[in-house]
């Protein structure tokens, strides 16, 4: 990755090029687009953190990594996202305060929160929870849900009205918080069913769909 980015940008280095200009990403035609480097950690964050930061250092010094500037997200060619269903390590200062590491958050929880944010008044605990939630969202890039657990499969070749409305609500909640909507858990279904699922999710504006079929049996 680093070699490719260096090669693409070497021809742009000149005295007249602004030092603040963003390097080129993997698409010459879309300079504002950032590629997501999605990391699903299989070990405790405390163990993985030093090695992770070491591996990212050259990308950071090359100005290839998107970063946080206060509450603003500054896009660069690569955005590093740590994905997990459990994010207790956000409370750890050295992790939560990294300016080049972003996270995913729960799409299901985000949707539920989205519909309860308009309540009348809050107590101290609620205000603290709301502050913590905003801090998590500020460091997030995407909101993720397991498709089958969250939405469920279509029946008799079609999704119900309630399922479509749920997908739309989840996508809307993610987008209104400036996040990408992502679904995982597209399992080894027959090809026709899988194509139906992918088509509907794309039509409803889902941004990222994990569709890893490498372990599925081939017909």
C-alpha atoms as a PDB file:
ATOM      1  CA  UNK A   1       0.000   0.000   0.000  1.00  0.00           C
ATOM      2  CA  UNK A   2       2.721   2.465   0.993  1.00  0.00           C
ATOM      3  CA  UNK A   3       4.810   1.741  -2.104  1.00  0.00           C
ATOM      4  CA  UNK A   4       1.826   2.275  -4.382  1.00  0.00           C
ATOM      5  CA  UNK A   5       0.864   5.557  -2.728  1.00  0.00           C
ATOM      6  CA  UNK A   6       4.470   6.785  -2.846  1.00  0.00           C
ATOM      7  CA  UNK A   7       4.731   5.919  -6.534  1.00  0.00           C
ATOM      8  CA  UNK A   8       1.473   7.698  -7.371  1.00  0.00           C
ATOM      9  CA  UNK A   9       2.531  10.836  -5.530  1.00  0.00           C
ATOM     10  CA  UNK A  10       6.221  11.023  -6.456  1.00  0.00           C
ATOM     11  CA  UNK A  11       5.454  12.772  -9.732  1.00  0.00           C
ATOM     12  CA  UNK A  12       3.462  15.434  -7.857  1.00  0.00           C
ATOM     13  CA  UNK A  13       6.314  16.567  -5.619  1.00  0.00           C
ATOM     14  CA  UNK A  14       7.406  19.972  -6.869  1.00  0.00           C
ATOM     15  CA  UNK A  15       8.296  23.374  -5.364  1.00  0.00           C
ATOM     16  CA  UNK A  16       4.956  24.810  -6.481  1.00  0.00           C
ATOM     17  CA  UNK A  17       2.850  22.100  -4.842  1.00  0.00           C
ATOM     18  CA  UNK A  18       1.276  23.190  -1.554  1.00  0.00           C
ATOM     19  CA  UNK A  19       2.520  21.369   1.526  1.00  0.00           C
ATOM     20  CA  UNK A  20      -1.082  21.310   2.753  1.00  0.00           C
ATOM     21  CA  UNK A  21      -2.447  19.633  -0.379  1.00  0.00           C
ATOM     22  CA  UNK A  22      -3.759  16.118   0.193  1.00  0.00           C
ATOM     23  CA  UNK A  23      -1.738  13.341  -1.460  1.00  0.00           C
ATOM     24  CA  UNK A  24      -3.369  11.374  -4.242  1.00  0.00           C
ATOM     25  CA  UNK A  25      -5.308   8.303  -3.212  1.00  0.00           C
ATOM     26  CA  UNK A  26      -5.937   5.099  -5.100  1.00  0.00           C
ATOM     27  CA  UNK A  27      -8.338   6.837  -7.491  1.00  0.00           C
ATOM     28  CA  UNK A  28      -6.787   9.630  -9.555  1.00  0.00           C
ATOM     29  CA  UNK A  29     -10.244  10.795 -10.562  1.00  0.00           C
ATOM     30  CA  UNK A  30     -11.622  11.184  -7.019  1.00  0.00           C
ATOM     31  CA  UNK A  31      -9.131  13.133  -4.950  1.00  0.00           C
ATOM     32  CA  UNK A  32     -11.685  13.628  -2.165  1.00  0.00           C
ATOM     33  CA  UNK A  33     -12.373   9.921  -1.787  1.00  0.00           C
ATOM     34  CA  UNK A  34     -10.704   7.931   0.970  1.00  0.00           C
ATOM     35  CA  UNK A  35     -10.165   4.176   0.936  1.00  0.00           C
ATOM     36  CA  UNK A  36     -11.123   2.453   4.184  1.00  0.00           C
ATOM     37  CA  UNK A  37      -8.576   0.132   5.789  1.00  0.00           C
ATOM     38  CA  UNK A  38     -10.872  -1.958   7.981  1.00  0.00           C
ATOM     39  CA  UNK A  39      -9.130  -3.835  10.799  1.00  0.00           C
ATOM     40  CA  UNK A  40     -10.978  -6.518  12.746  1.00  0.00           C
ATOM     41  CA  UNK A  41      -8.780  -7.185  15.755  1.00  0.00           C
ATOM     42  CA  UNK A  42      -8.583 -10.747  17.039  1.00  0.00           C
ATOM     43  CA  UNK A  43      -6.477  -9.921  20.097  1.00  0.00           C
ATOM     44  CA  UNK A  44      -6.931  -7.503  23.010  1.00  0.00           C
ATOM     45  CA  UNK A  45      -6.381  -3.886  22.016  1.00  0.00           C
ATOM     46  CA  UNK A  46      -3.674  -3.475  24.666  1.00  0.00           C
ATOM     47  CA  UNK A  47      -1.667  -6.220  22.939  1.00  0.00           C
ATOM     48  CA  UNK A  48      -2.265  -5.086  19.373  1.00  0.00           C
ATOM     49  CA  UNK A  49      -1.904  -1.335  19.892  1.00  0.00           C
ATOM     50  CA  UNK A  50       1.933  -0.907  19.854  1.00  0.00           C
ATOM     51  CA  UNK A  51       2.350  -3.091  16.759  1.00  0.00           C
ATOM     52  CA  UNK A  52      -0.569  -1.391  15.015  1.00  0.00           C
ATOM     53  CA  UNK A  53       0.820   2.104  15.577  1.00  0.00           C
ATOM     54  CA  UNK A  54       4.259   0.971  14.423  1.00  0.00           C
ATOM     55  CA  UNK A  55       2.843  -0.410  11.180  1.00  0.00           C
ATOM     56  CA  UNK A  56       0.877   2.778  10.523  1.00  0.00           C
ATOM     57  CA  UNK A  57       3.731   5.181  11.252  1.00  0.00           C
ATOM     58  CA  UNK A  58       5.046   5.432   7.684  1.00  0.00           C
ATOM     59  CA  UNK A  59       1.544   6.032   6.349  1.00  0.00           C
ATOM     60  CA  UNK A  60       1.099   8.735   8.972  1.00  0.00           C
ATOM     61  CA  UNK A  61       4.385  10.507   8.234  1.00  0.00           C
ATOM     62  CA  UNK A  62       3.585  10.323   4.530  1.00  0.00           C
ATOM     63  CA  UNK A  63       0.344  12.222   5.270  1.00  0.00           C
ATOM     64  CA  UNK A  64      -1.695   9.378   3.806  1.00  0.00           C
ATOM     65  CA  UNK A  65      -3.955   8.814   6.834  1.00  0.00           C
ATOM     66  CA  UNK A  66      -7.222  10.620   7.500  1.00  0.00           C
ATOM     67  CA  UNK A  67      -7.212  12.294  10.893  1.00  0.00           C
ATOM     68  CA  UNK A  68      -9.379  14.061  13.448  1.00  0.00           C
ATOM     69  CA  UNK A  69      -9.034  17.806  13.913  1.00  0.00           C
ATOM     70  CA  UNK A  70     -11.261  18.482  16.886  1.00  0.00           C
ATOM     71  CA  UNK A  71     -14.710  17.342  15.779  1.00  0.00           C
ATOM     72  CA  UNK A  72     -13.781  17.635  12.108  1.00  0.00           C
ATOM     73  CA  UNK A  73     -12.630  14.678  10.024  1.00  0.00           C
ATOM     74  CA  UNK A  74      -9.890  15.526   7.523  1.00  0.00           C
ATOM     75  CA  UNK A  75      -9.853  13.018   4.681  1.00  0.00           C
ATOM     76  CA  UNK A  76      -6.655  11.621   3.277  1.00  0.00           C
ATOM     77  CA  UNK A  77      -6.141   8.665   0.896  1.00  0.00           C
ATOM     78  CA  UNK A  78      -6.547   6.032   3.653  1.00  0.00           C
ATOM     79  CA  UNK A  79      -8.941   5.982   6.616  1.00  0.00           C
ATOM     80  CA  UNK A  80      -8.061   3.399   9.281  1.00  0.00           C
ATOM     81  CA  UNK A  81     -11.088   1.887  11.031  1.00  0.00           C
ATOM     82  CA  UNK A  82     -11.057  -0.636  13.877  1.00  0.00           C
ATOM     83  CA  UNK A  83     -14.173  -2.793  13.797  1.00  0.00           C
ATOM     84  CA  UNK A  84     -15.520  -4.627  16.813  1.00  0.00           C
ATOM     85  CA  UNK A  85     -18.857  -5.478  18.387  1.00  0.00           C
ATOM     86  CA  UNK A  86     -17.422  -4.517  21.771  1.00  0.00           C
ATOM     87  CA  UNK A  87     -15.532  -1.259  22.226  1.00  0.00           C
ATOM     88  CA  UNK A  88     -14.546  -0.993  25.901  1.00  0.00           C
ATOM     89  CA  UNK A  89     -11.090   0.160  24.854  1.00  0.00           C
ATOM     90  CA  UNK A  90     -12.533   3.550  23.862  1.00  0.00           C
ATOM     91  CA  UNK A  91     -12.189   4.439  27.533  1.00  0.00           C
ATOM     92  CA  UNK A  92      -8.439   3.975  27.334  1.00  0.00           C
ATOM     93  CA  UNK A  93      -6.826   7.360  26.764  1.00  0.00           C
ATOM     94  CA  UNK A  94      -4.042   6.288  24.412  1.00  0.00           C
ATOM     95  CA  UNK A  95      -6.571   4.602  22.120  1.00  0.00           C
ATOM     96  CA  UNK A  96      -9.470   7.031  22.190  1.00  0.00           C
ATOM     97  CA  UNK A  97      -7.219  10.049  21.665  1.00  0.00           C
ATOM     98  CA  UNK A  98      -5.365   8.755  18.606  1.00  0.00           C
ATOM     99  CA  UNK A  99      -6.033  11.197  15.787  1.00  0.00           C
ATOM    100  CA  UNK A 100      -5.624   8.656  12.962  1.00  0.00           C
ATOM    101  CA  UNK A 101      -7.629   5.709  14.312  1.00  0.00           C
ATOM    102  CA  UNK A 102     -11.378   5.638  13.762  1.00  0.00           C
ATOM    103  CA  UNK A 103     -13.948   3.088  14.903  1.00  0.00           C
ATOM    104  CA  UNK A 104     -17.260   1.598  13.931  1.00  0.00           C
ATOM    105  CA  UNK A 105     -20.264   1.739  16.206  1.00  0.00           C
ATOM    106  CA  UNK A 106     -23.460  -0.269  16.570  1.00  0.00           C
ATOM    107  CA  UNK A 107     -26.011   0.523  13.876  1.00  0.00           C
ATOM    108  CA  UNK A 108     -28.782  -1.017  15.952  1.00  0.00           C
ATOM    109  CA  UNK A 109     -27.953   1.108  18.994  1.00  0.00           C
ATOM    110  CA  UNK A 110     -27.503   4.199  16.851  1.00  0.00           C
ATOM    111  CA  UNK A 111     -30.958   3.750  15.338  1.00  0.00           C
ATOM    112  CA  UNK A 112     -32.526   3.290  18.758  1.00  0.00           C
ATOM    113  CA  UNK A 113     -30.727   6.380  20.064  1.00  0.00           C
ATOM    114  CA  UNK A 114     -31.752   8.368  17.002  1.00  0.00           C
ATOM    115  CA  UNK A 115     -35.424   7.912  17.881  1.00  0.00           C
ATOM    116  CA  UNK A 116     -35.009   8.767  21.580  1.00  0.00           C
ATOM    117  CA  UNK A 117     -32.829  11.858  21.298  1.00  0.00           C
ATOM    118  CA  UNK A 118     -35.824  14.154  21.125  1.00  0.00           C
ATOM    119  CA  UNK A 119     -36.907  13.525  24.719  1.00  0.00           C
ATOM    120  CA  UNK A 120     -37.836  16.403  27.000  1.00  0.00           C
ATOM    121  CA  UNK A 121     -35.036  17.022  29.448  1.00  0.00           C
ATOM    122  CA  UNK A 122     -32.408  14.715  30.863  1.00  0.00           C
ATOM    123  CA  UNK A 123     -31.022  13.884  34.273  1.00  0.00           C
ATOM    124  CA  UNK A 124     -27.330  13.870  35.095  1.00  0.00           C
ATOM    125  CA  UNK A 125     -26.816  10.237  34.129  1.00  0.00           C
ATOM    126  CA  UNK A 126     -28.558  10.770  30.805  1.00  0.00           C
ATOM    127  CA  UNK A 127     -26.477  13.856  30.086  1.00  0.00           C
ATOM    128  CA  UNK A 128     -23.285  11.954  30.855  1.00  0.00           C
ATOM    129  CA  UNK A 129     -24.378   9.085  28.620  1.00  0.00           C
ATOM    130  CA  UNK A 130     -25.226  11.540  25.843  1.00  0.00           C
ATOM    131  CA  UNK A 131     -21.815  13.184  26.155  1.00  0.00           C
ATOM    132  CA  UNK A 132     -20.101   9.794  25.987  1.00  0.00           C
ATOM    133  CA  UNK A 133     -22.174   8.813  22.963  1.00  0.00           C
ATOM    134  CA  UNK A 134     -21.197  12.002  21.129  1.00  0.00           C
ATOM    135  CA  UNK A 135     -17.545  11.330  21.890  1.00  0.00           C
ATOM    136  CA  UNK A 136     -17.832   7.836  20.405  1.00  0.00           C
ATOM    137  CA  UNK A 137     -19.603   9.162  17.301  1.00  0.00           C
ATOM    138  CA  UNK A 138     -16.940  11.834  16.804  1.00  0.00           C
ATOM    139  CA  UNK A 139     -14.347   9.070  16.507  1.00  0.00           C
ATOM    140  CA  UNK A 140     -16.478   6.810  14.312  1.00  0.00           C
ATOM    141  CA  UNK A 141     -16.648   6.445  10.549  1.00  0.00           C
ATOM    142  CA  UNK A 142     -19.277   3.754  10.173  1.00  0.00           C
ATOM    143  CA  UNK A 143     -22.145   2.071  11.975  1.00  0.00           C
ATOM    144  CA  UNK A 144     -22.394  -1.708  11.614  1.00  0.00           C
ATOM    145  CA  UNK A 145     -25.141  -4.279  12.101  1.00  0.00           C
ATOM    146  CA  UNK A 146     -25.368  -8.025  11.528  1.00  0.00           C
ATOM    147  CA  UNK A 147     -27.878  -8.250   8.698  1.00  0.00           C
ATOM    148  CA  UNK A 148     -29.476 -11.548   9.584  1.00  0.00           C
ATOM    149  CA  UNK A 149     -29.729 -10.752  13.310  1.00  0.00           C
ATOM    150  CA  UNK A 150     -30.975  -7.217  12.745  1.00  0.00           C
ATOM    151  CA  UNK A 151     -33.206  -7.396   9.668  1.00  0.00           C
ATOM    152  CA  UNK A 152     -33.742 -11.086   8.999  1.00  0.00           C
ATOM    153  CA  UNK A 153     -34.154 -12.959   5.741  1.00  0.00           C
ATOM    154  CA  UNK A 154     -36.833 -12.244   3.133  1.00  0.00           C
ATOM    155  CA  UNK A 155     -39.695 -14.716   2.921  1.00  0.00           C
ATOM    156  CA  UNK A 156     -41.091 -16.131  -0.269  1.00  0.00           C
ATOM    157  CA  UNK A 157     -38.710 -14.081  -2.341  1.00  0.00           C
ATOM    158  CA  UNK A 158     -39.424 -10.665  -0.875  1.00  0.00           C
ATOM    159  CA  UNK A 159     -38.805  -8.467   2.125  1.00  0.00           C
ATOM    160  CA  UNK A 160     -41.734  -7.381   4.253  1.00  0.00           C
ATOM    161  CA  UNK A 161     -42.697  -3.730   4.556  1.00  0.00           C
ATOM    162  CA  UNK A 162     -41.422  -3.744   8.140  1.00  0.00           C
ATOM    163  CA  UNK A 163     -38.021  -5.085   7.067  1.00  0.00           C
ATOM    164  CA  UNK A 164     -37.645  -2.414   4.382  1.00  0.00           C
ATOM    165  CA  UNK A 165     -38.623   0.293   6.858  1.00  0.00           C
ATOM    166  CA  UNK A 166     -36.044  -1.009   9.336  1.00  0.00           C
ATOM    167  CA  UNK A 167     -33.279  -0.912   6.722  1.00  0.00           C
ATOM    168  CA  UNK A 168     -34.275   2.630   5.775  1.00  0.00           C
ATOM    169  CA  UNK A 169     -34.361   3.727   9.416  1.00  0.00           C
ATOM    170  CA  UNK A 170     -30.906   2.306  10.060  1.00  0.00           C
ATOM    171  CA  UNK A 171     -29.414   3.872   6.937  1.00  0.00           C
ATOM    172  CA  UNK A 172     -31.054   7.203   7.759  1.00  0.00           C
ATOM    173  CA  UNK A 173     -29.753   7.163  11.344  1.00  0.00           C
ATOM    174  CA  UNK A 174     -26.204   6.464  10.153  1.00  0.00           C
ATOM    175  CA  UNK A 175     -26.258   9.126   7.457  1.00  0.00           C
ATOM    176  CA  UNK A 176     -27.743  11.786   9.721  1.00  0.00           C
ATOM    177  CA  UNK A 177     -24.784  11.263  12.047  1.00  0.00           C
ATOM    178  CA  UNK A 178     -22.353  11.483   9.130  1.00  0.00           C
ATOM    179  CA  UNK A 179     -21.536   7.759   9.239  1.00  0.00           C
ATOM    180  CA  UNK A 180     -21.450   5.009   6.641  1.00  0.00           C
ATOM    181  CA  UNK A 181     -24.085   2.300   7.038  1.00  0.00           C
ATOM    182  CA  UNK A 182     -22.534  -1.187   6.968  1.00  0.00           C
ATOM    183  CA  UNK A 183     -24.012  -4.681   7.156  1.00  0.00           C
ATOM    184  CA  UNK A 184     -22.177  -7.881   7.967  1.00  0.00           C
ATOM    185  CA  UNK A 185     -23.471 -11.437   8.326  1.00  0.00           C
ATOM    186  CA  UNK A 186     -24.541 -12.114   4.724  1.00  0.00           C
ATOM    187  CA  UNK A 187     -24.276 -15.870   5.049  1.00  0.00           C
ATOM    188  CA  UNK A 188     -23.942 -18.711   2.548  1.00  0.00           C
ATOM    189  CA  UNK A 189     -27.385 -18.493   0.998  1.00  0.00           C
ATOM    190  CA  UNK A 190     -28.431 -19.701  -2.460  1.00  0.00           C
ATOM    191  CA  UNK A 191     -27.272 -17.366  -5.207  1.00  0.00           C
ATOM    192  CA  UNK A 192     -30.737 -16.027  -6.028  1.00  0.00           C
ATOM    193  CA  UNK A 193     -31.464 -15.155  -2.391  1.00  0.00           C
ATOM    194  CA  UNK A 194     -28.054 -13.574  -1.939  1.00  0.00           C
ATOM    195  CA  UNK A 195     -28.517 -11.431  -5.039  1.00  0.00           C
ATOM    196  CA  UNK A 196     -31.913 -10.279  -3.770  1.00  0.00           C
ATOM    197  CA  UNK A 197     -30.414  -9.245  -0.425  1.00  0.00           C
ATOM    198  CA  UNK A 198     -27.531  -7.362  -2.028  1.00  0.00           C
ATOM    199  CA  UNK A 199     -29.791  -5.620  -4.536  1.00  0.00           C
ATOM    200  CA  UNK A 200     -32.230  -4.382  -1.894  1.00  0.00           C
ATOM    201  CA  UNK A 201     -29.464  -3.172   0.417  1.00  0.00           C
ATOM    202  CA  UNK A 202     -27.840  -1.274  -2.443  1.00  0.00           C
ATOM    203  CA  UNK A 203     -31.168   0.252  -3.483  1.00  0.00           C
ATOM    204  CA  UNK A 204     -31.821   1.455   0.067  1.00  0.00           C
ATOM    205  CA  UNK A 205     -28.507   3.286   0.266  1.00  0.00           C
ATOM    206  CA  UNK A 206     -26.353   0.932   2.340  1.00  0.00           C
ATOM    207  CA  UNK A 207     -22.746   2.047   1.920  1.00  0.00           C
ATOM    208  CA  UNK A 208     -20.769  -1.081   2.814  1.00  0.00           C
ATOM    209  CA  UNK A 209     -21.806  -4.738   2.610  1.00  0.00           C
ATOM    210  CA  UNK A 210     -19.574  -7.563   3.828  1.00  0.00           C
ATOM    211  CA  UNK A 211     -20.187 -10.360   1.345  1.00  0.00           C
ATOM    212  CA  UNK A 212     -17.397 -12.822   2.030  1.00  0.00           C
ATOM    213  CA  UNK A 213     -18.408 -16.134   0.453  1.00  0.00           C
ATOM    214  CA  UNK A 214     -14.999 -17.832   0.458  1.00  0.00           C
ATOM    215  CA  UNK A 215     -16.099 -20.591   2.852  1.00  0.00           C
ATOM    216  CA  UNK A 216     -19.389 -21.294   1.068  1.00  0.00           C
ATOM    217  CA  UNK A 217     -19.878 -24.491  -0.872  1.00  0.00           C
ATOM    218  CA  UNK A 218     -19.969 -24.009  -4.626  1.00  0.00           C
ATOM    219  CA  UNK A 219     -22.865 -25.561  -6.578  1.00  0.00           C
END
